[in-house]
C-alpha atoms as a PDB file:
ATOM      1  CA  UNK A   1      99.705-103.937  31.253  1.00  0.00           C
ATOM      2  CA  UNK A   2     100.665-105.088  34.704  1.00  0.00           C
ATOM      3  CA  UNK A   3     100.191-108.706  35.697  1.00  0.00           C
ATOM      4  CA  UNK A   4      98.300-108.693  38.980  1.00  0.00           C
ATOM      5  CA  UNK A   5     100.165-111.369  40.947  1.00  0.00           C
ATOM      6  CA  UNK A   6     103.707-110.152  40.178  1.00  0.00           C
ATOM      7  CA  UNK A   7     105.502-107.653  42.372  1.00  0.00           C
ATOM      8  CA  UNK A   8     106.371-104.306  40.793  1.00  0.00           C
ATOM      9  CA  UNK A   9     110.103-104.931  40.369  1.00  0.00           C
ATOM     10  CA  UNK A  10     109.551-108.257  38.595  1.00  0.00           C
ATOM     11  CA  UNK A  11     106.830-106.784  36.422  1.00  0.00           C
ATOM     12  CA  UNK A  12     109.102-103.843  35.509  1.00  0.00           C
ATOM     13  CA  UNK A  13     111.912-106.234  34.468  1.00  0.00           C
ATOM     14  CA  UNK A  14     109.556-108.268  32.314  1.00  0.00           C
ATOM     15  CA  UNK A  15     108.092-105.179  30.666  1.00  0.00           C
ATOM     16  CA  UNK A  16     111.626-103.918  29.957  1.00  0.00           C
ATOM     17  CA  UNK A  17     112.570-107.269  28.367  1.00  0.00           C
ATOM     18  CA  UNK A  18     109.356-107.246  26.347  1.00  0.00           C
ATOM     19  CA  UNK A  19     110.008-103.695  25.115  1.00  0.00           C
ATOM     20  CA  UNK A  20     113.582-104.563  24.136  1.00  0.00           C
ATOM     21  CA  UNK A  21     112.360-107.646  22.294  1.00  0.00           C
ATOM     22  CA  UNK A  22     109.677-105.564  20.548  1.00  0.00           C
ATOM     23  CA  UNK A  23     112.288-103.173  19.115  1.00  0.00           C
ATOM     24  CA  UNK A  24     114.132-106.137  17.630  1.00  0.00           C
ATOM     25  CA  UNK A  25     116.823-107.197  20.077  1.00  0.00           C
ATOM     26  CA  UNK A  26     117.735-110.867  20.277  1.00  0.00           C
ATOM     27  CA  UNK A  27     117.479-112.743  23.589  1.00  0.00           C
ATOM     28  CA  UNK A  28     121.278-112.752  23.924  1.00  0.00           C
ATOM     29  CA  UNK A  29     121.444-108.985  23.393  1.00  0.00           C
ATOM     30  CA  UNK A  30     118.731-108.405  25.983  1.00  0.00           C
ATOM     31  CA  UNK A  31     120.627-110.572  28.480  1.00  0.00           C
ATOM     32  CA  UNK A  32     123.839-108.642  27.820  1.00  0.00           C
ATOM     33  CA  UNK A  33     122.077-105.304  28.371  1.00  0.00           C
ATOM     34  CA  UNK A  34     120.421-106.449  31.598  1.00  0.00           C
ATOM     35  CA  UNK A  35     123.770-107.697  32.906  1.00  0.00           C
ATOM     36  CA  UNK A  36     125.488-104.476  31.794  1.00  0.00           C
ATOM     37  CA  UNK A  37     122.863-102.489  33.705  1.00  0.00           C
ATOM     38  CA  UNK A  38     123.441-104.815  36.701  1.00  0.00           C
ATOM     39  CA  UNK A  39     119.829-106.010  36.719  1.00  0.00           C
ATOM     40  CA  UNK A  40     119.648-109.419  38.385  1.00  0.00           C
ATOM     41  CA  UNK A  41     117.029-112.124  37.995  1.00  0.00           C
ATOM     42  CA  UNK A  42     114.528-112.735  40.819  1.00  0.00           C
ATOM     43  CA  UNK A  43     116.893-115.464  42.079  1.00  0.00           C
ATOM     44  CA  UNK A  44     119.813-112.987  42.045  1.00  0.00           C
ATOM     45  CA  UNK A  45     121.505-114.505  38.976  1.00  0.00           C
ATOM     46  CA  UNK A  46     122.850-112.919  35.834  1.00  0.00           C
ATOM     47  CA  UNK A  47     120.698-113.202  32.738  1.00  0.00           C
ATOM     48  CA  UNK A  48     121.449-115.404  29.751  1.00  0.00           C
ATOM     49  CA  UNK A  49     119.565-115.833  26.479  1.00  0.00           C
ATOM     50  CA  UNK A  50     117.611-118.871  27.658  1.00  0.00           C
ATOM     51  CA  UNK A  51     116.507-117.173  30.893  1.00  0.00           C
ATOM     52  CA  UNK A  52     115.303-114.127  28.943  1.00  0.00           C
ATOM     53  CA  UNK A  53     113.456-116.328  26.434  1.00  0.00           C
ATOM     54  CA  UNK A  54     111.716-118.415  29.125  1.00  0.00           C
ATOM     55  CA  UNK A  55     110.875-115.335  31.214  1.00  0.00           C
ATOM     56  CA  UNK A  56     109.222-113.664  28.239  1.00  0.00           C
ATOM     57  CA  UNK A  57     107.392-116.866  27.289  1.00  0.00           C
ATOM     58  CA  UNK A  58     105.921-117.167  30.786  1.00  0.00           C
ATOM     59  CA  UNK A  59     105.106-113.435  30.823  1.00  0.00           C
ATOM     60  CA  UNK A  60     103.147-113.798  27.567  1.00  0.00           C
ATOM     61  CA  UNK A  61     101.326-116.861  28.922  1.00  0.00           C
ATOM     62  CA  UNK A  62     100.301-114.919  32.045  1.00  0.00           C
ATOM     63  CA  UNK A  63      98.880-112.142  29.869  1.00  0.00           C
ATOM     64  CA  UNK A  64      97.048-114.687  27.759  1.00  0.00           C
ATOM     65  CA  UNK A  65      95.472-116.310  30.833  1.00  0.00           C
ATOM     66  CA  UNK A  66      94.622-112.904  32.290  1.00  0.00           C
ATOM     67  CA  UNK A  67      92.713-111.970  29.130  1.00  0.00           C
ATOM     68  CA  UNK A  68      90.981-115.342  28.788  1.00  0.00           C
ATOM     69  CA  UNK A  69      89.439-115.553  32.259  1.00  0.00           C
ATOM     70  CA  UNK A  70      85.754-116.300  32.195  1.00  0.00           C
ATOM     71  CA  UNK A  71      83.356-116.451  35.108  1.00  0.00           C
ATOM     72  CA  UNK A  72      80.895-119.311  35.019  1.00  0.00           C
ATOM     73  CA  UNK A  73      77.799-119.464  37.170  1.00  0.00           C
ATOM     74  CA  UNK A  74      77.129-122.858  38.699  1.00  0.00           C
ATOM     75  CA  UNK A  75      73.964-123.682  40.599  1.00  0.00           C
ATOM     76  CA  UNK A  76      73.865-126.720  42.854  1.00  0.00           C
ATOM     77  CA  UNK A  77      71.202-128.054  45.155  1.00  0.00           C
ATOM     78  CA  UNK A  78      71.948-130.199  48.171  1.00  0.00           C
ATOM     79  CA  UNK A  79      69.531-132.495  49.962  1.00  0.00           C
ATOM     80  CA  UNK A  80      70.400-133.492  53.491  1.00  0.00           C
ATOM     81  CA  UNK A  81      69.512-137.085  54.353  1.00  0.00           C
ATOM     82  CA  UNK A  82      69.931-139.082  57.499  1.00  0.00           C
ATOM     83  CA  UNK A  83      73.640-139.519  58.221  1.00  0.00           C
ATOM     84  CA  UNK A  84      74.905-138.169  54.898  1.00  0.00           C
ATOM     85  CA  UNK A  85      74.688-135.338  52.412  1.00  0.00           C
ATOM     86  CA  UNK A  86      73.385-136.192  48.970  1.00  0.00           C
ATOM     87  CA  UNK A  87      73.887-133.886  46.006  1.00  0.00           C
ATOM     88  CA  UNK A  88      70.749-133.713  43.858  1.00  0.00           C
END
């Protein structure tokens, strides 16, 4: 599932990390593979275990927020008085 506000290359990297984690690789092993494949972070750095862990944590949080969005309807009425606006 693609996260809407991420560009395709970043989303692809995160999905790859998530898939590698799903099959049982440790964060360090994922970082080593990404570096071996010459995949750089969005800030053009090499990956390490902590960067992989934090990236996946944030990725999961984005998915959680995406699935928890709720739209609430709010009705307000405004009364215009002399020289000011009063909310009723």
